[in-house]
Amino acid sequence: WLIHGVDIYTVKDYLGHKRIATTQRYLHLVPTHAERAVRAAQNAEREELEQFVQDLSGRHMGDTTSAEVELELVEMR
């Protein structure tokens, strides 16, 4: 389940582990778990920011929007 992206707390609860440390023992079987989780979060954040910029300006990031405006929007987050 961890390999397929189910979060560790869901796995913990489903398996009936009382402590997260018990579930964490299995993380060695998923060596890229942390890397994939961080990448997924970064991708989601980028998509949210792009949607925010598009909603605000009616454009996509990088579509000739001034760099200053894009920088201000990024800093607001």
PDB file of N, CA and C in Angstrom:
ATOM      1  N   TRP A   1       0.819  -1.196   0.000  1.00  0.00           N
ATOM      2  CA  TRP A   1       0.000   0.000   0.000  1.00  0.00           C
ATOM      3  C   TRP A   1       0.860   1.256   0.000  1.00  0.00           C
ATOM      4  N   LEU A   2       1.922   1.212   0.782  1.00  0.00           N
ATOM      5  CA  LEU A   2       2.816   2.367   0.813  1.00  0.00           C
ATOM      6  C   LEU A   2       3.433   2.606  -0.560  1.00  0.00           C
ATOM      7  N   ILE A   3       3.784   1.536  -1.231  1.00  0.00           N
ATOM      8  CA  ILE A   3       4.380   1.645  -2.569  1.00  0.00           C
ATOM      9  C   ILE A   3       3.409   2.323  -3.531  1.00  0.00           C
ATOM     10  N   HIS A   4       2.124   2.105  -3.332  1.00  0.00           N
ATOM     11  CA  HIS A   4       1.118   2.664  -4.233  1.00  0.00           C
ATOM     12  C   HIS A   4       0.561   3.991  -3.760  1.00  0.00           C
ATOM     13  N   GLY A   5       1.212   4.588  -2.754  1.00  0.00           N
ATOM     14  CA  GLY A   5       0.864   5.949  -2.385  1.00  0.00           C
ATOM     15  C   GLY A   5      -0.123   6.126  -1.249  1.00  0.00           C
ATOM     16  N   VAL A   6      -0.531   5.036  -0.603  1.00  0.00           N
ATOM     17  CA  VAL A   6      -1.418   5.199   0.557  1.00  0.00           C
ATOM     18  C   VAL A   6      -0.584   5.780   1.683  1.00  0.00           C
ATOM     19  N   ASP A   7      -1.113   6.813   2.348  1.00  0.00           N
ATOM     20  CA  ASP A   7      -0.317   7.456   3.391  1.00  0.00           C
ATOM     21  C   ASP A   7      -0.144   6.519   4.581  1.00  0.00           C
ATOM     22  N   ILE A   8       0.948   6.713   5.286  1.00  0.00           N
ATOM     23  CA  ILE A   8       1.340   5.803   6.356  1.00  0.00           C
ATOM     24  C   ILE A   8       0.324   5.760   7.498  1.00  0.00           C
ATOM     25  N   TYR A   9      -0.362   6.855   7.763  1.00  0.00           N
ATOM     26  CA  TYR A   9      -1.341   6.868   8.850  1.00  0.00           C
ATOM     27  C   TYR A   9      -2.576   6.028   8.505  1.00  0.00           C
ATOM     28  N   THR A  10      -2.959   6.029   7.243  1.00  0.00           N
ATOM     29  CA  THR A  10      -4.062   5.171   6.805  1.00  0.00           C
ATOM     30  C   THR A  10      -3.669   3.715   6.938  1.00  0.00           C
ATOM     31  N   VAL A  11      -2.456   3.378   6.523  1.00  0.00           N
ATOM     32  CA  VAL A  11      -1.953   2.008   6.647  1.00  0.00           C
ATOM     33  C   VAL A  11      -1.924   1.609   8.122  1.00  0.00           C
ATOM     34  N   LYS A  12      -1.418   2.489   8.970  1.00  0.00           N
ATOM     35  CA  LYS A  12      -1.349   2.224  10.415  1.00  0.00           C
ATOM     36  C   LYS A  12      -2.727   1.881  10.967  1.00  0.00           C
ATOM     37  N   ASP A  13      -3.699   2.738  10.660  1.00  0.00           N
ATOM     38  CA  ASP A  13      -5.048   2.524  11.175  1.00  0.00           C
ATOM     39  C   ASP A  13      -5.666   1.239  10.636  1.00  0.00           C
ATOM     40  N   TYR A  14      -5.491   0.993   9.348  1.00  0.00           N
ATOM     41  CA  TYR A  14      -6.082  -0.189   8.733  1.00  0.00           C
ATOM     42  C   TYR A  14      -5.503  -1.468   9.320  1.00  0.00           C
ATOM     43  N   LEU A  15      -4.194  -1.463   9.570  1.00  0.00           N
ATOM     44  CA  LEU A  15      -3.552  -2.652  10.117  1.00  0.00           C
ATOM     45  C   LEU A  15      -3.742  -2.786  11.619  1.00  0.00           C
ATOM     46  N   GLY A  16      -4.277  -1.748  12.254  1.00  0.00           N
ATOM     47  CA  GLY A  16      -4.542  -1.810  13.678  1.00  0.00           C
ATOM     48  C   GLY A  16      -3.322  -1.580  14.547  1.00  0.00           C
ATOM     49  N   HIS A  17      -2.286  -0.971  13.973  1.00  0.00           N
ATOM     50  CA  HIS A  17      -1.101  -0.667  14.768  1.00  0.00           C
ATOM     51  C   HIS A  17      -1.441   0.447  15.751  1.00  0.00           C
ATOM     52  N   LYS A  18      -0.984   0.292  16.987  1.00  0.00           N
ATOM     53  CA  LYS A  18      -1.237   1.323  17.990  1.00  0.00           C
ATOM     54  C   LYS A  18      -0.261   2.480  17.870  1.00  0.00           C
ATOM     55  N   ARG A  19       0.943   2.178  17.405  1.00  0.00           N
ATOM     56  CA  ARG A  19       1.980   3.209  17.297  1.00  0.00           C
ATOM     57  C   ARG A  19       2.446   3.319  15.848  1.00  0.00           C
ATOM     58  N   ILE A  20       2.699   4.533  15.421  1.00  0.00           N
ATOM     59  CA  ILE A  20       3.190   4.755  14.058  1.00  0.00           C
ATOM     60  C   ILE A  20       4.548   4.090  13.864  1.00  0.00           C
ATOM     61  N   ALA A  21       5.310   3.955  14.934  1.00  0.00           N
ATOM     62  CA  ALA A  21       6.633   3.325  14.848  1.00  0.00           C
ATOM     63  C   ALA A  21       6.535   1.884  14.331  1.00  0.00           C
ATOM     64  N   THR A  22       5.448   1.214  14.682  1.00  0.00           N
ATOM     65  CA  THR A  22       5.258  -0.157  14.193  1.00  0.00           C
ATOM     66  C   THR A  22       5.118  -0.161  12.683  1.00  0.00           C
ATOM     67  N   THR A  23       4.333   0.755  12.168  1.00  0.00           N
ATOM     68  CA  THR A  23       4.133   0.843  10.718  1.00  0.00           C
ATOM     69  C   THR A  23       5.407   1.305  10.028  1.00  0.00           C
ATOM     70  N   GLN A  24       6.145   2.195  10.669  1.00  0.00           N
ATOM     71  CA  GLN A  24       7.373   2.714  10.068  1.00  0.00           C
ATOM     72  C   GLN A  24       8.415   1.633   9.832  1.00  0.00           C
ATOM     73  N   ARG A  25       8.312   0.544  10.541  1.00  0.00           N
ATOM     74  CA  ARG A  25       9.254  -0.565  10.314  1.00  0.00           C
ATOM     75  C   ARG A  25       9.225  -1.030   8.858  1.00  0.00           C
ATOM     76  N   TYR A  26       8.097  -0.867   8.212  1.00  0.00           N
ATOM     77  CA  TYR A  26       7.931  -1.342   6.846  1.00  0.00           C
ATOM     78  C   TYR A  26       8.404  -0.343   5.802  1.00  0.00           C
ATOM     79  N   LEU A  27       8.771   0.847   6.216  1.00  0.00           N
ATOM     80  CA  LEU A  27       9.202   1.857   5.253  1.00  0.00           C
ATOM     81  C   LEU A  27      10.477   1.466   4.524  1.00  0.00           C
ATOM     82  N   HIS A  28      11.300   0.621   5.129  1.00  0.00           N
ATOM     83  CA  HIS A  28      12.518   0.203   4.430  1.00  0.00           C
ATOM     84  C   HIS A  28      12.188  -0.553   3.143  1.00  0.00           C
ATOM     85  N   LEU A  29      10.985  -1.055   3.049  1.00  0.00           N
ATOM     86  CA  LEU A  29      10.550  -1.737   1.833  1.00  0.00           C
ATOM     87  C   LEU A  29      10.169  -0.761   0.728  1.00  0.00           C
ATOM     88  N   VAL A  30      10.047   0.513   1.098  1.00  0.00           N
ATOM     89  CA  VAL A  30       9.653   1.559   0.161  1.00  0.00           C
ATOM     90  C   VAL A  30      10.701   2.666   0.228  1.00  0.00           C
ATOM     91  N   PRO A  31      11.897   2.432  -0.322  1.00  0.00           N
ATOM     92  CA  PRO A  31      12.988   3.402  -0.161  1.00  0.00           C
ATOM     93  C   PRO A  31      12.726   4.760  -0.795  1.00  0.00           C
ATOM     94  N   THR A  32      11.863   4.829  -1.764  1.00  0.00           N
ATOM     95  CA  THR A  32      11.600   6.111  -2.429  1.00  0.00           C
ATOM     96  C   THR A  32      10.343   6.786  -1.883  1.00  0.00           C
ATOM     97  N   HIS A  33       9.792   6.265  -0.793  1.00  0.00           N
ATOM     98  CA  HIS A  33       8.535   6.790  -0.246  1.00  0.00           C
ATOM     99  C   HIS A  33       8.616   8.288   0.045  1.00  0.00           C
ATOM    100  N   ALA A  34       9.637   8.699   0.767  1.00  0.00           N
ATOM    101  CA  ALA A  34       9.761  10.113   1.130  1.00  0.00           C
ATOM    102  C   ALA A  34       9.956  10.973  -0.105  1.00  0.00           C
ATOM    103  N   GLU A  35      10.792  10.530  -1.003  1.00  0.00           N
ATOM    104  CA  GLU A  35      11.057  11.299  -2.220  1.00  0.00           C
ATOM    105  C   GLU A  35       9.780  11.474  -3.036  1.00  0.00           C
ATOM    106  N   ARG A  36       9.010  10.420  -3.190  1.00  0.00           N
ATOM    107  CA  ARG A  36       7.765  10.511  -3.952  1.00  0.00           C
ATOM    108  C   ARG A  36       6.754  11.416  -3.256  1.00  0.00           C
ATOM    109  N   ALA A  37       6.688  11.338  -1.940  1.00  0.00           N
ATOM    110  CA  ALA A  37       5.745  12.175  -1.194  1.00  0.00           C
ATOM    111  C   ALA A  37       6.096  13.646  -1.348  1.00  0.00           C
ATOM    112  N   VAL A  38       7.382  13.963  -1.269  1.00  0.00           N
ATOM    113  CA  VAL A  38       7.812  15.354  -1.424  1.00  0.00           C
ATOM    114  C   VAL A  38       7.544  15.838  -2.840  1.00  0.00           C
ATOM    115  N   ARG A  39       7.860  15.023  -3.826  1.00  0.00           N
ATOM    116  CA  ARG A  39       7.593  15.409  -5.224  1.00  0.00           C
ATOM    117  C   ARG A  39       6.112  15.647  -5.463  1.00  0.00           C
ATOM    118  N   ALA A  40       5.277  14.779  -4.919  1.00  0.00           N
ATOM    119  CA  ALA A  40       3.828  14.933  -5.091  1.00  0.00           C
ATOM    120  C   ALA A  40       3.358  16.233  -4.460  1.00  0.00           C
ATOM    121  N   ALA A  41       3.887  16.547  -3.281  1.00  0.00           N
ATOM    122  CA  ALA A  41       3.516  17.801  -2.619  1.00  0.00           C
ATOM    123  C   ALA A  41       3.985  19.004  -3.426  1.00  0.00           C
ATOM    124  N   GLN A  42       5.195  18.932  -3.961  1.00  0.00           N
ATOM    125  CA  GLN A  42       5.715  20.031  -4.770  1.00  0.00           C
ATOM    126  C   GLN A  42       4.881  20.209  -6.031  1.00  0.00           C
ATOM    127  N   ASN A  43       4.516  19.120  -6.675  1.00  0.00           N
ATOM    128  CA  ASN A  43       3.698  19.201  -7.885  1.00  0.00           C
ATOM    129  C   ASN A  43       2.328  19.793  -7.577  1.00  0.00           C
ATOM    130  N   ALA A  44       1.729  19.358  -6.472  1.00  0.00           N
ATOM    131  CA  ALA A  44       0.418  19.890  -6.089  1.00  0.00           C
ATOM    132  C   ALA A  44       0.512  21.381  -5.791  1.00  0.00           C
ATOM    133  N   GLU A  45       1.576  21.779  -5.095  1.00  0.00           N
ATOM    134  CA  GLU A  45       1.754  23.198  -4.778  1.00  0.00           C
ATOM    135  C   GLU A  45       1.936  24.026  -6.050  1.00  0.00           C
ATOM    136  N   ARG A  46       2.729  23.517  -6.996  1.00  0.00           N
ATOM    137  CA  ARG A  46       2.938  24.218  -8.257  1.00  0.00           C
ATOM    138  C   ARG A  46       1.620  24.360  -9.025  1.00  0.00           C
ATOM    139  N   GLU A  47       0.838  23.281  -9.062  1.00  0.00           N
ATOM    140  CA  GLU A  47      -0.445  23.332  -9.764  1.00  0.00           C
ATOM    141  C   GLU A  47      -1.395  24.326  -9.104  1.00  0.00           C
ATOM    142  N   GLU A  48      -1.414  24.358  -7.772  1.00  0.00           N
ATOM    143  CA  GLU A  48      -2.251  25.330  -7.066  1.00  0.00           C
ATOM    144  C   GLU A  48      -1.828  26.757  -7.386  1.00  0.00           C
ATOM    145  N   LEU A  49      -0.531  26.988  -7.402  1.00  0.00           N
ATOM    146  CA  LEU A  49      -0.016  28.322  -7.692  1.00  0.00           C
ATOM    147  C   LEU A  49      -0.349  28.721  -9.127  1.00  0.00           C
ATOM    148  N   GLU A  50      -0.180  27.793 -10.056  1.00  0.00           N
ATOM    149  CA  GLU A  50      -0.511  28.099 -11.450  1.00  0.00           C
ATOM    150  C   GLU A  50      -1.991  28.409 -11.592  1.00  0.00           C
ATOM    151  N   GLN A  51      -2.839  27.647 -10.887  1.00  0.00           N
ATOM    152  CA  GLN A  51      -4.281  27.901 -10.949  1.00  0.00           C
ATOM    153  C   GLN A  51      -4.609  29.250 -10.333  1.00  0.00           C
ATOM    154  N   PHE A  52      -3.948  29.584  -9.228  1.00  0.00           N
ATOM    155  CA  PHE A  52      -4.150  30.869  -8.567  1.00  0.00           C
ATOM    156  C   PHE A  52      -3.789  32.011  -9.505  1.00  0.00           C
ATOM    157  N   VAL A  53      -2.651  31.898 -10.164  1.00  0.00           N
ATOM    158  CA  VAL A  53      -2.210  32.942 -11.091  1.00  0.00           C
ATOM    159  C   VAL A  53      -3.181  33.046 -12.256  1.00  0.00           C
ATOM    160  N   GLN A  54      -3.613  31.899 -12.761  1.00  0.00           N
ATOM    161  CA  GLN A  54      -4.554  31.922 -13.883  1.00  0.00           C
ATOM    162  C   GLN A  54      -5.885  32.553 -13.463  1.00  0.00           C
ATOM    163  N   ASP A  55      -6.382  32.192 -12.289  1.00  0.00           N
ATOM    164  CA  ASP A  55      -7.637  32.767 -11.810  1.00  0.00           C
ATOM    165  C   ASP A  55      -7.508  34.267 -11.598  1.00  0.00           C
ATOM    166  N   LEU A  56      -6.361  34.685 -11.093  1.00  0.00           N
ATOM    167  CA  LEU A  56      -6.144  36.088 -10.793  1.00  0.00           C
ATOM    168  C   LEU A  56      -5.958  36.926 -12.052  1.00  0.00           C
ATOM    169  N   SER A  57      -5.227  36.371 -12.992  1.00  0.00           N
ATOM    170  CA  SER A  57      -4.874  37.175 -14.158  1.00  0.00           C
ATOM    171  C   SER A  57      -5.489  36.681 -15.460  1.00  0.00           C
ATOM    172  N   GLY A  58      -6.100  35.508 -15.418  1.00  0.00           N
ATOM    173  CA  GLY A  58      -6.638  34.955 -16.650  1.00  0.00           C
ATOM    174  C   GLY A  58      -5.555  34.374 -17.543  1.00  0.00           C
ATOM    175  N   ARG A  59      -4.358  34.190 -17.002  1.00  0.00           N
ATOM    176  CA  ARG A  59      -3.232  33.670 -17.781  1.00  0.00           C
ATOM    177  C   ARG A  59      -2.560  32.549 -17.030  1.00  0.00           C
ATOM    178  N   HIS A  60      -1.704  31.818 -17.738  1.00  0.00           N
ATOM    179  CA  HIS A  60      -0.854  30.800 -17.132  1.00  0.00           C
ATOM    180  C   HIS A  60       0.461  31.440 -16.727  1.00  0.00           C
ATOM    181  N   MET A  61       1.108  30.891 -15.682  1.00  0.00           N
ATOM    182  CA  MET A  61       2.418  31.414 -15.296  1.00  0.00           C
ATOM    183  C   MET A  61       3.358  31.305 -16.492  1.00  0.00           C
ATOM    184  N   GLY A  62       4.107  32.331 -16.722  1.00  0.00           N
ATOM    185  CA  GLY A  62       5.056  32.328 -17.826  1.00  0.00           C
ATOM    186  C   GLY A  62       4.484  32.853 -19.130  1.00  0.00           C
ATOM    187  N   ASP A  63       3.184  33.111 -19.187  1.00  0.00           N
ATOM    188  CA  ASP A  63       2.543  33.586 -20.414  1.00  0.00           C
ATOM    189  C   ASP A  63       2.711  35.086 -20.592  1.00  0.00           C
ATOM    190  N   THR A  64       3.842  35.609 -20.584  1.00  0.00           N
ATOM    191  CA  THR A  64       4.115  37.037 -20.732  1.00  0.00           C
ATOM    192  C   THR A  64       3.632  37.869 -19.550  1.00  0.00           C
ATOM    193  N   THR A  65       3.243  37.206 -18.465  1.00  0.00           N
ATOM    194  CA  THR A  65       2.951  37.948 -17.240  1.00  0.00           C
ATOM    195  C   THR A  65       4.284  38.487 -16.761  1.00  0.00           C
ATOM    196  N   SER A  66       4.293  39.688 -16.266  1.00  0.00           N
ATOM    197  CA  SER A  66       5.564  40.256 -15.856  1.00  0.00           C
ATOM    198  C   SER A  66       6.168  39.431 -14.726  1.00  0.00           C
ATOM    199  N   ALA A  67       7.470  39.339 -14.732  1.00  0.00           N
ATOM    200  CA  ALA A  67       8.187  38.580 -13.712  1.00  0.00           C
ATOM    201  C   ALA A  67       7.914  39.142 -12.330  1.00  0.00           C
ATOM    202  N   GLU A  68       7.750  40.448 -12.243  1.00  0.00           N
ATOM    203  CA  GLU A  68       7.491  41.065 -10.950  1.00  0.00           C
ATOM    204  C   GLU A  68       6.156  40.596 -10.373  1.00  0.00           C
ATOM    205  N   VAL A  69       5.138  40.519 -11.212  1.00  0.00           N
ATOM    206  CA  VAL A  69       3.822  40.075 -10.755  1.00  0.00           C
ATOM    207  C   VAL A  69       3.897  38.624 -10.301  1.00  0.00           C
ATOM    208  N   GLU A  70       4.546  37.776 -11.086  1.00  0.00           N
ATOM    209  CA  GLU A  70       4.673  36.374 -10.710  1.00  0.00           C
ATOM    210  C   GLU A  70       5.431  36.236  -9.401  1.00  0.00           C
ATOM    211  N   LEU A  71       6.493  36.999  -9.229  1.00  0.00           N
ATOM    212  CA  LEU A  71       7.285  36.938  -8.004  1.00  0.00           C
ATOM    213  C   LEU A  71       6.441  37.371  -6.809  1.00  0.00           C
ATOM    214  N   GLU A  72       5.660  38.420  -6.965  1.00  0.00           N
ATOM    215  CA  GLU A  72       4.800  38.871  -5.873  1.00  0.00           C
ATOM    216  C   GLU A  72       3.791  37.793  -5.494  1.00  0.00           C
ATOM    217  N   LEU A  73       3.236  37.114  -6.482  1.00  0.00           N
ATOM    218  CA  LEU A  73       2.266  36.058  -6.212  1.00  0.00           C
ATOM    219  C   LEU A  73       2.919  34.895  -5.485  1.00  0.00           C
ATOM    220  N   VAL A  74       4.101  34.534  -5.877  1.00  0.00           N
ATOM    221  CA  VAL A  74       4.834  33.460  -5.212  1.00  0.00           C
ATOM    222  C   VAL A  74       5.140  33.845  -3.780  1.00  0.00           C
ATOM    223  N   GLU A  75       5.555  35.065  -3.550  1.00  0.00           N
ATOM    224  CA  GLU A  75       5.913  35.515  -2.205  1.00  0.00           C
ATOM    225  C   GLU A  75       4.684  35.592  -1.304  1.00  0.00           C
ATOM    226  N   MET A  76       3.504  35.802  -1.876  1.00  0.00           N
ATOM    227  CA  MET A  76       2.283  35.864  -1.079  1.00  0.00           C
ATOM    228  C   MET A  76       1.965  34.523  -0.448  1.00  0.00           C
ATOM    229  N   ARG A  77       2.388  33.452  -1.062  1.00  0.00           N
ATOM    230  CA  ARG A  77       2.103  32.115  -0.542  1.00  0.00           C
ATOM    231  C   ARG A  77       2.992  31.904   0.618  1.00  0.00           C
TER     232      ARG A  77
END
